[in-house]
Amino acid sequence: MNVYPFIEAERVAGVGCVRRACLLLKVSRAAYYAWSTGALCERRLADEELLARILAAHKASRGTYGAPRITRALRAAGLRVSRKRIARLMALRGLAGRARRRRKRTTVADPATKGRADLLQRDFAPEAHKIDTLWCGDISYVRTWEGWAYVATVIDLSSRRVVGLALADHLRASLATEALTMALAQRRPARGLVFHSDRGCQ
């Protein structure tokens, strides 16, 4: 945030001195006076020049490079610059690299399910089924401050409604069965219900 206009307003109004305002706001008087005269300091000019190089490197990477890789690219081009300075200038301009999403495997195929008939025949259309005749289950994951959290869901394919849900910090079979038990207790489906899931060992 630029605090210099506030200091200028205080000085013009005559209610405060520049020295005290700069001291309270933790900025140097030299920087304030450089701002008030409209003269850009050497550091600011160097930052503007460096920012142009950063923008060019970011554009050349199709927006994928973050501060570490842009630093390496500029150093390879013969420029002596720190990563922290590049990160600061990129943050001021709203630039960021693209990071690969961390993927976690939740489906471990169970060999015993190989060759089993697919009762659903890949027909996931809602209008093709009646309510509480076909459910579908899956497990997903969410990264939290305390580690991975695993979410098992049971969805009614006709209404697309989540009818069963379970959350745990593990991927054991009990996670899937808790979600299914909740769905059965809530919906009480008639005989003949088909439950479809992937071929995971859970």
Protein backbone atom coordinates (compact mmCIF):
# COMPACT_ATOMS: atom_id res chain seq x y z
CA MET A 1 0.00 0.00 0.00
CA ASN A 2 1.31 3.48 -0.91
CA VAL A 3 1.41 5.61 2.26
CA TYR A 4 3.03 8.65 0.63
CA PRO A 5 -0.29 10.39 -0.28
CA PHE A 6 -1.28 10.22 3.39
CA ILE A 7 2.02 11.83 4.46
CA GLU A 8 1.55 14.49 1.76
CA ALA A 9 -1.98 15.26 2.98
CA GLU A 10 -0.71 15.58 6.57
CA ARG A 11 2.07 17.95 5.42
CA VAL A 12 -0.29 20.13 3.33
CA ALA A 13 -2.86 20.31 6.15
CA GLY A 14 -0.09 21.31 8.55
CA VAL A 15 -1.30 18.89 11.21
CA GLY A 16 1.80 16.69 11.26
CA CYS A 17 5.45 16.80 10.35
CA VAL A 18 6.95 14.63 7.60
CA ARG A 19 9.66 13.24 9.89
CA ARG A 20 7.18 11.92 12.48
CA ALA A 21 4.76 10.55 9.84
CA CYS A 22 7.60 8.66 8.09
CA LEU A 23 8.77 7.30 11.43
CA LEU A 24 5.29 6.06 12.39
CA LEU A 25 4.62 4.53 8.96
CA LYS A 26 8.13 3.02 8.79
CA VAL A 27 9.17 4.57 5.48
CA SER A 28 12.26 6.63 4.71
CA ARG A 29 12.00 10.37 4.28
CA ALA A 30 14.25 10.17 1.21
CA ALA A 31 11.79 7.81 -0.47
CA TYR A 32 8.88 10.11 0.38
CA TYR A 33 10.65 13.19 -1.05
CA ALA A 34 11.61 11.23 -4.19
CA TRP A 35 7.92 10.32 -4.58
CA SER A 36 6.71 13.88 -3.93
CA THR A 37 9.03 15.37 -6.58
CA GLY A 38 7.97 12.73 -9.09
CA ALA A 39 11.52 11.43 -9.54
CA LEU A 40 11.88 7.65 -9.71
CA CYS A 41 14.79 6.34 -7.69
CA GLU A 42 17.40 4.06 -9.27
CA ARG A 43 15.95 1.00 -7.56
CA ARG A 44 12.49 1.71 -8.93
CA LEU A 45 13.84 2.14 -12.46
CA ALA A 46 15.79 -1.12 -12.12
CA ASP A 47 12.62 -2.86 -10.90
CA GLU A 48 10.68 -1.57 -13.93
CA GLU A 49 13.38 -2.87 -16.26
CA LEU A 50 13.51 -6.22 -14.47
CA LEU A 51 9.73 -6.52 -14.54
CA ALA A 52 9.80 -6.20 -18.33
CA ARG A 53 12.26 -9.14 -18.46
CA ILE A 54 10.08 -11.14 -16.04
CA LEU A 55 6.97 -10.52 -18.17
CA ALA A 56 8.83 -11.66 -21.29
CA ALA A 57 10.05 -14.86 -19.58
CA HIS A 58 6.59 -15.56 -18.15
CA LYS A 59 4.99 -15.08 -21.57
CA ALA A 60 7.61 -17.28 -23.25
CA SER A 61 6.74 -20.09 -20.82
CA ARG A 62 3.02 -19.67 -21.71
CA GLY A 63 2.35 -18.60 -18.12
CA THR A 64 3.72 -21.79 -16.55
CA TYR A 65 6.92 -20.46 -14.93
CA GLY A 66 6.87 -19.30 -11.33
CA ALA A 67 9.55 -17.27 -9.51
CA PRO A 68 12.14 -20.10 -9.18
CA ARG A 69 12.13 -21.01 -12.87
CA ILE A 70 12.05 -17.40 -14.05
CA THR A 71 15.04 -16.72 -11.77
CA ARG A 72 16.93 -19.60 -13.38
CA ALA A 73 16.00 -18.42 -16.88
CA LEU A 74 17.16 -14.84 -16.20
CA ARG A 75 20.39 -16.04 -14.57
CA ALA A 76 21.05 -18.24 -17.61
CA ALA A 77 20.64 -15.07 -19.71
CA GLY A 78 23.42 -13.45 -17.64
CA LEU A 79 21.32 -11.39 -15.22
CA ARG A 80 22.34 -11.34 -11.53
CA VAL A 81 19.08 -11.34 -9.59
CA SER A 82 17.62 -12.93 -6.45
CA ARG A 83 14.58 -15.19 -6.38
CA LYS A 84 12.97 -13.14 -3.59
CA ARG A 85 13.11 -9.98 -5.68
CA ILE A 86 11.54 -11.74 -8.66
CA ALA A 87 8.84 -13.23 -6.41
CA ARG A 88 8.08 -9.73 -5.01
CA LEU A 89 7.77 -8.17 -8.47
CA MET A 90 5.65 -11.06 -9.75
CA ALA A 91 3.31 -10.75 -6.75
CA LEU A 92 2.94 -7.00 -7.34
CA ARG A 93 1.96 -7.69 -10.95
CA GLY A 94 -0.28 -10.66 -10.04
CA LEU A 95 1.84 -13.18 -11.92
CA ALA A 96 2.07 -16.81 -10.83
CA GLY A 97 3.24 -20.06 -12.35
CA ARG A 98 1.12 -23.15 -12.85
CA ALA A 99 1.82 -25.98 -10.43
CA ARG A 100 1.02 -29.59 -11.15
CA ARG A 101 -1.81 -30.90 -9.00
CA ARG A 102 -0.75 -33.52 -6.53
CA ARG A 103 -2.53 -36.70 -7.42
CA LYS A 104 -3.28 -39.52 -5.04
CA ARG A 105 -4.34 -43.00 -6.09
CA THR A 106 -7.55 -44.14 -4.41
CA THR A 107 -8.43 -47.10 -6.64
CA VAL A 108 -6.34 -50.22 -6.15
CA ALA A 109 -7.76 -52.86 -8.50
CA ASP A 110 -8.91 -56.08 -6.88
CA PRO A 111 -7.94 -59.09 -9.06
CA ALA A 112 -10.97 -61.03 -7.76
CA THR A 113 -13.33 -58.63 -9.60
CA LYS A 114 -11.80 -59.28 -13.02
CA GLY A 115 -14.32 -60.78 -15.42
CA ARG A 116 -17.36 -59.83 -13.32
CA ALA A 117 -20.43 -58.69 -15.28
CA ASP A 118 -21.14 -54.95 -15.52
CA LEU A 119 -24.86 -54.83 -14.60
CA LEU A 120 -25.01 -51.11 -15.42
CA GLN A 121 -23.60 -51.55 -18.97
CA ARG A 122 -22.10 -48.03 -18.72
CA ASP A 123 -25.57 -46.45 -18.84
CA PHE A 124 -25.29 -43.51 -16.42
CA ALA A 125 -28.21 -41.48 -17.85
CA PRO A 126 -30.58 -40.38 -15.00
CA GLU A 127 -33.75 -40.88 -17.04
CA ALA A 128 -32.86 -44.53 -17.69
CA HIS A 129 -33.37 -45.54 -14.04
CA LYS A 130 -35.94 -45.23 -11.28
CA ILE A 131 -35.10 -43.72 -7.89
CA ASP A 132 -33.41 -46.14 -5.48
CA THR A 133 -32.89 -48.87 -8.08
CA LEU A 134 -29.32 -48.02 -9.02
CA TRP A 135 -26.66 -46.49 -6.79
CA CYS A 136 -23.10 -45.61 -7.65
CA GLY A 137 -20.19 -45.36 -5.20
CA ASP A 138 -16.75 -43.78 -5.32
CA ILE A 139 -13.95 -42.52 -3.07
CA SER A 140 -12.29 -39.14 -3.45
CA TYR A 141 -9.72 -37.23 -1.41
CA VAL A 142 -9.08 -33.73 -0.10
CA ARG A 143 -5.77 -32.29 1.13
CA THR A 144 -6.16 -30.67 4.57
CA TRP A 145 -3.77 -29.03 7.05
CA GLU A 146 -3.60 -32.34 8.92
CA GLY A 147 -3.01 -34.55 5.85
CA TRP A 148 -5.23 -36.37 3.36
CA ALA A 149 -8.94 -36.81 4.10
CA TYR A 150 -10.83 -39.52 2.18
CA VAL A 151 -14.51 -39.17 1.27
CA ALA A 152 -16.66 -42.12 0.25
CA THR A 153 -19.99 -41.28 -1.42
CA VAL A 154 -23.03 -43.23 -2.57
CA ILE A 155 -25.10 -41.47 -5.26
CA ASP A 156 -28.55 -42.36 -6.55
CA LEU A 157 -28.13 -42.30 -10.35
CA SER A 158 -31.71 -41.27 -11.03
CA SER A 159 -31.85 -38.19 -8.77
CA ARG A 160 -28.08 -37.54 -8.73
CA ARG A 161 -28.46 -37.13 -4.98
CA VAL A 162 -25.80 -38.15 -2.44
CA VAL A 163 -27.61 -40.72 -0.29
CA GLY A 164 -24.62 -41.94 1.72
CA LEU A 165 -21.39 -40.30 2.87
CA ALA A 166 -18.39 -41.20 5.03
CA LEU A 167 -15.18 -39.33 5.87
CA ALA A 168 -11.96 -40.81 7.28
CA ASP A 169 -8.18 -40.46 7.33
CA HIS A 170 -7.69 -43.94 5.80
CA LEU A 171 -8.65 -45.94 2.69
CA ARG A 172 -9.76 -49.16 4.37
CA ALA A 173 -12.90 -51.05 3.28
CA SER A 174 -14.75 -49.75 6.36
CA LEU A 175 -14.84 -46.29 4.74
CA ALA A 176 -16.87 -47.58 1.77
CA THR A 177 -19.13 -49.76 3.93
CA GLU A 178 -19.92 -46.84 6.29
CA ALA A 179 -21.16 -44.76 3.33
CA LEU A 180 -23.25 -47.67 2.03
CA THR A 181 -24.67 -48.40 5.51
CA MET A 182 -25.73 -44.76 5.85
CA ALA A 183 -27.44 -44.87 2.42
CA LEU A 184 -29.32 -48.08 3.28
CA ALA A 185 -30.47 -46.70 6.65
CA GLN A 186 -31.69 -43.42 5.11
CA ARG A 187 -33.34 -44.69 1.92
CA ARG A 188 -34.43 -48.25 2.78
CA PRO A 189 -34.53 -49.39 -0.89
CA ALA A 190 -36.61 -52.34 -2.14
CA ARG A 191 -35.03 -55.64 -3.15
CA GLY A 192 -33.24 -55.64 -6.48
CA LEU A 193 -31.13 -52.52 -5.88
CA VAL A 194 -27.91 -52.51 -7.92
CA PHE A 195 -24.81 -50.90 -6.40
CA HIS A 196 -22.17 -49.98 -8.98
CA SER A 197 -18.57 -49.06 -8.16
CA ASP A 198 -15.13 -49.26 -9.73
CA ARG A 199 -13.02 -52.39 -9.27
CA GLY A 200 -11.27 -51.04 -6.18
CA CYS A 201 -10.22 -53.43 -3.43
CA GLN A 202 -12.40 -51.54 -0.88
